[in-house]
C-alpha atoms as a PDB file:
ATOM      1  CA  MET A   1      68.922  80.507   7.433  1.00  0.00           C
ATOM      2  CA  THR A   2      70.624  83.437   9.062  1.00  0.00           C
ATOM      3  CA  THR A   3      69.248  85.251  12.079  1.00  0.00           C
ATOM      4  CA  LEU A   4      68.325  88.264   9.945  1.00  0.00           C
ATOM      5  CA  GLN A   5      66.315  86.084   7.572  1.00  0.00           C
ATOM      6  CA  LYS A   6      64.487  84.433  10.469  1.00  0.00           C
ATOM      7  CA  VAL A   7      63.562  87.799  11.974  1.00  0.00           C
ATOM      8  CA  ALA A   8      62.374  89.137   8.618  1.00  0.00           C
ATOM      9  CA  PHE A   9      60.315  86.004   7.950  1.00  0.00           C
ATOM     10  CA  THR A  10      58.729  86.163  11.415  1.00  0.00           C
ATOM     11  CA  ALA A  11      57.903  89.859  10.959  1.00  0.00           C
ATOM     12  CA  ILE A  12      56.230  89.216   7.599  1.00  0.00           C
ATOM     13  CA  ILE A  13      54.114  86.386   9.024  1.00  0.00           C
ATOM     14  CA  GLY A  14      53.185  88.491  12.070  1.00  0.00           C
ATOM     15  CA  LEU A  15      52.131  91.486   9.992  1.00  0.00           C
ATOM     16  CA  GLY A  16      50.046  89.233   7.775  1.00  0.00           C
ATOM     17  CA  LEU A  17      48.162  87.858  10.752  1.00  0.00           C
ATOM     18  CA  ILE A  18      47.566  91.311  12.228  1.00  0.00           C
ATOM     19  CA  GLY A  19      46.169  92.592   8.937  1.00  0.00           C
ATOM     20  CA  THR A  20      43.836  89.632   8.657  1.00  0.00           C
ATOM     21  CA  SER A  21      42.318  90.015  12.110  1.00  0.00           C
ATOM     22  CA  ALA A  22      41.884  93.775  11.768  1.00  0.00           C
ATOM     23  CA  SER A  23      39.838  93.593   8.571  1.00  0.00           C
ATOM     24  CA  ALA A  24      36.064  93.275   8.372  1.00  0.00           C
ATOM     25  CA  ASP A  25      34.571  89.829   8.008  1.00  0.00           C
ATOM     26  CA  THR A  26      31.326  88.561   6.475  1.00  0.00           C
ATOM     27  CA  SER A  27      31.049  85.637   8.875  1.00  0.00           C
ATOM     28  CA  LYS A  28      31.443  87.983  11.859  1.00  0.00           C
ATOM     29  CA  GLY A  29      28.671  90.142  10.400  1.00  0.00           C
ATOM     30  CA  LYS A  30      26.456  87.083  10.116  1.00  0.00           C
ATOM     31  CA  LYS A  31      27.132  86.149  13.743  1.00  0.00           C
ATOM     32  CA  ILE A  32      26.415  89.701  14.894  1.00  0.00           C
ATOM     33  CA  TYR A  33      23.121  89.704  13.010  1.00  0.00           C
ATOM     34  CA  MET A  34      22.111  86.325  14.441  1.00  0.00           C
ATOM     35  CA  LYS A  35      22.995  87.281  18.013  1.00  0.00           C
ATOM     36  CA  LYS A  36      21.991  90.939  18.210  1.00  0.00           C
ATOM     37  CA  LEU A  37      19.378  91.591  15.524  1.00  0.00           C
ATOM     38  CA  LYS A  38      17.488  88.515  14.364  1.00  0.00           C
ATOM     39  CA  GLY A  39      15.033  88.642  17.278  1.00  0.00           C
ATOM     40  CA  LYS A  40      14.569  92.397  16.975  1.00  0.00           C
ATOM     41  CA  CYS A  41      14.081  92.336  13.217  1.00  0.00           C
ATOM     42  CA  GLY A  42      11.909  89.234  13.108  1.00  0.00           C
ATOM     43  CA  PHE A  43      13.420  87.794   9.927  1.00  0.00           C
ATOM     44  CA  THR A  44      16.528  86.000   8.728  1.00  0.00           C
ATOM     45  CA  GLY A  45      19.803  87.617   7.780  1.00  0.00           C
ATOM     46  CA  ALA A  46      19.135  86.763   4.133  1.00  0.00           C
ATOM     47  CA  ILE A  47      15.977  88.873   4.136  1.00  0.00           C
ATOM     48  CA  PHE A  48      17.763  91.695   5.965  1.00  0.00           C
ATOM     49  CA  ALA A  49      20.668  91.795   3.498  1.00  0.00           C
ATOM     50  CA  GLN A  50      18.362  91.539   0.482  1.00  0.00           C
ATOM     51  CA  LYS A  51      16.424  94.680   1.401  1.00  0.00           C
ATOM     52  CA  HIS A  52      18.887  96.617  -0.790  1.00  0.00           C
ATOM     53  CA  THR A  53      21.330  96.144  -3.657  1.00  0.00           C
ATOM     54  CA  GLN A  54      25.108  96.137  -3.304  1.00  0.00           C
ATOM     55  CA  ALA A  55      25.276  99.641  -4.771  1.00  0.00           C
ATOM     56  CA  GLU A  56      22.738 100.931  -2.240  1.00  0.00           C
ATOM     57  CA  TRP A  57      24.725  99.435   0.654  1.00  0.00           C
ATOM     58  CA  GLU A  58      27.962 100.889  -0.797  1.00  0.00           C
ATOM     59  CA  ASP A  59      26.434 104.366  -1.154  1.00  0.00           C
ATOM     60  CA  ALA A  60      25.096 104.294   2.390  1.00  0.00           C
ATOM     61  CA  LYS A  61      28.508 103.343   3.768  1.00  0.00           C
ATOM     62  CA  ALA A  62      30.308 105.977   1.705  1.00  0.00           C
ATOM     63  CA  ASN A  63      27.860 108.689   2.811  1.00  0.00           C
ATOM     64  CA  GLY A  64      27.917 107.695   6.481  1.00  0.00           C
ATOM     65  CA  LYS A  65      24.276 106.574   6.336  1.00  0.00           C
ATOM     66  CA  LEU A  66      24.778 102.835   6.841  1.00  0.00           C
ATOM     67  CA  GLY A  67      23.096 102.795  10.243  1.00  0.00           C
ATOM     68  CA  GLU A  68      20.105 104.701   8.880  1.00  0.00           C
ATOM     69  CA  LEU A  69      19.689 102.328   5.937  1.00  0.00           C
ATOM     70  CA  MET A  70      19.948  99.333   8.242  1.00  0.00           C
ATOM     71  CA  MET A  71      17.439 100.933  10.600  1.00  0.00           C
ATOM     72  CA  GLU A  72      15.074 101.371   7.660  1.00  0.00           C
ATOM     73  CA  ALA A  73      15.448  97.663   6.871  1.00  0.00           C
ATOM     74  CA  CYS A  74      14.983  96.691  10.544  1.00  0.00           C
ATOM     75  CA  PRO A  75      13.190  99.352  12.614  1.00  0.00           C
ATOM     76  CA  GLY A  76      13.296  97.112  15.699  1.00  0.00           C
ATOM     77  CA  GLY A  77      17.084  97.464  15.800  1.00  0.00           C
ATOM     78  CA  LYS A  78      17.046 101.256  16.105  1.00  0.00           C
ATOM     79  CA  GLU A  79      18.723 101.299  19.516  1.00  0.00           C
ATOM     80  CA  PHE A  80      21.460  98.930  18.280  1.00  0.00           C
ATOM     81  CA  PHE A  81      22.146 100.921  15.092  1.00  0.00           C
ATOM     82  CA  GLU A  82      22.410 104.177  17.054  1.00  0.00           C
ATOM     83  CA  SER A  83      24.832 102.742  19.633  1.00  0.00           C
ATOM     84  CA  LYS A  84      28.504 103.668  19.808  1.00  0.00           C
ATOM     85  CA  LYS A  85      29.439 100.000  19.718  1.00  0.00           C
ATOM     86  CA  PHE A  86      27.719  99.604  16.333  1.00  0.00           C
ATOM     87  CA  LYS A  87      29.564 102.586  14.901  1.00  0.00           C
ATOM     88  CA  LYS A  88      32.963 101.585  16.263  1.00  0.00           C
ATOM     89  CA  LYS A  89      32.938  97.809  16.215  1.00  0.00           C
ATOM     90  CA  TYR A  90      30.028  96.178  14.405  1.00  0.00           C
ATOM     91  CA  SER A  91      29.279  98.339  11.365  1.00  0.00           C
ATOM     92  CA  LYS A  92      32.217  97.158   9.235  1.00  0.00           C
ATOM     93  CA  HIS A  93      31.340  93.497   9.757  1.00  0.00           C
ATOM     94  CA  LEU A  94      27.610  94.012   9.194  1.00  0.00           C
ATOM     95  CA  TYR A  95      28.415  96.014   6.070  1.00  0.00           C
ATOM     96  CA  ASP A  96      30.481  93.138   4.667  1.00  0.00           C
ATOM     97  CA  PHE A  97      27.627  90.764   5.482  1.00  0.00           C
ATOM     98  CA  VAL A  98      24.867  92.811   3.808  1.00  0.00           C
ATOM     99  CA  HIS A  99      27.057  93.709   0.836  1.00  0.00           C
ATOM    100  CA  ASP A 100      28.017  90.094   0.179  1.00  0.00           C
ATOM    101  CA  TYR A 101      24.399  88.907   0.466  1.00  0.00           C
ATOM    102  CA  ALA A 102      22.577  91.874  -1.104  1.00  0.00           C
ATOM    103  CA  LYS A 103      19.636  91.212  -3.415  1.00  0.00           C
ATOM    104  CA  ASP A 104      21.778  91.467  -6.560  1.00  0.00           C
ATOM    105  CA  SER A 105      24.739  89.446  -5.252  1.00  0.00           C
ATOM    106  CA  GLY A 106      23.388  85.986  -6.016  1.00  0.00           C
ATOM    107  CA  ASN A 107      24.565  84.728  -2.619  1.00  0.00           C
ATOM    108  CA  VAL A 108      22.296  83.395   0.128  1.00  0.00           C
ATOM    109  CA  PRO A 109      23.511  83.122   3.733  1.00  0.00           C
ATOM    110  CA  SER A 110      22.562  80.159   5.894  1.00  0.00           C
ATOM    111  CA  CYS A 111      20.932  82.107   8.709  1.00  0.00           C
END
């Protein structure tokens, strides 16, 4: 293997890892729900996610109303859903979680 091939191979692997860590993650959304919201909402993540269908979650995200829809599902989490940290860091992971476990998805999380 030439030096150029080694550098190209390393760059491809590195870019693949960066792309993976930057994307949203269902399991991170589950952990966020368990840590930050379960006590405030008073029910499991499965019940939270199944408050709406996948299409309803998709529409809310597309229209910038995800926090409002989540607040409707869990009024006790109002302060969390209105925070800057939710909007910048947590919303994409929570969206993946609720979308993957929505009432019409057929999936049930273990939380």
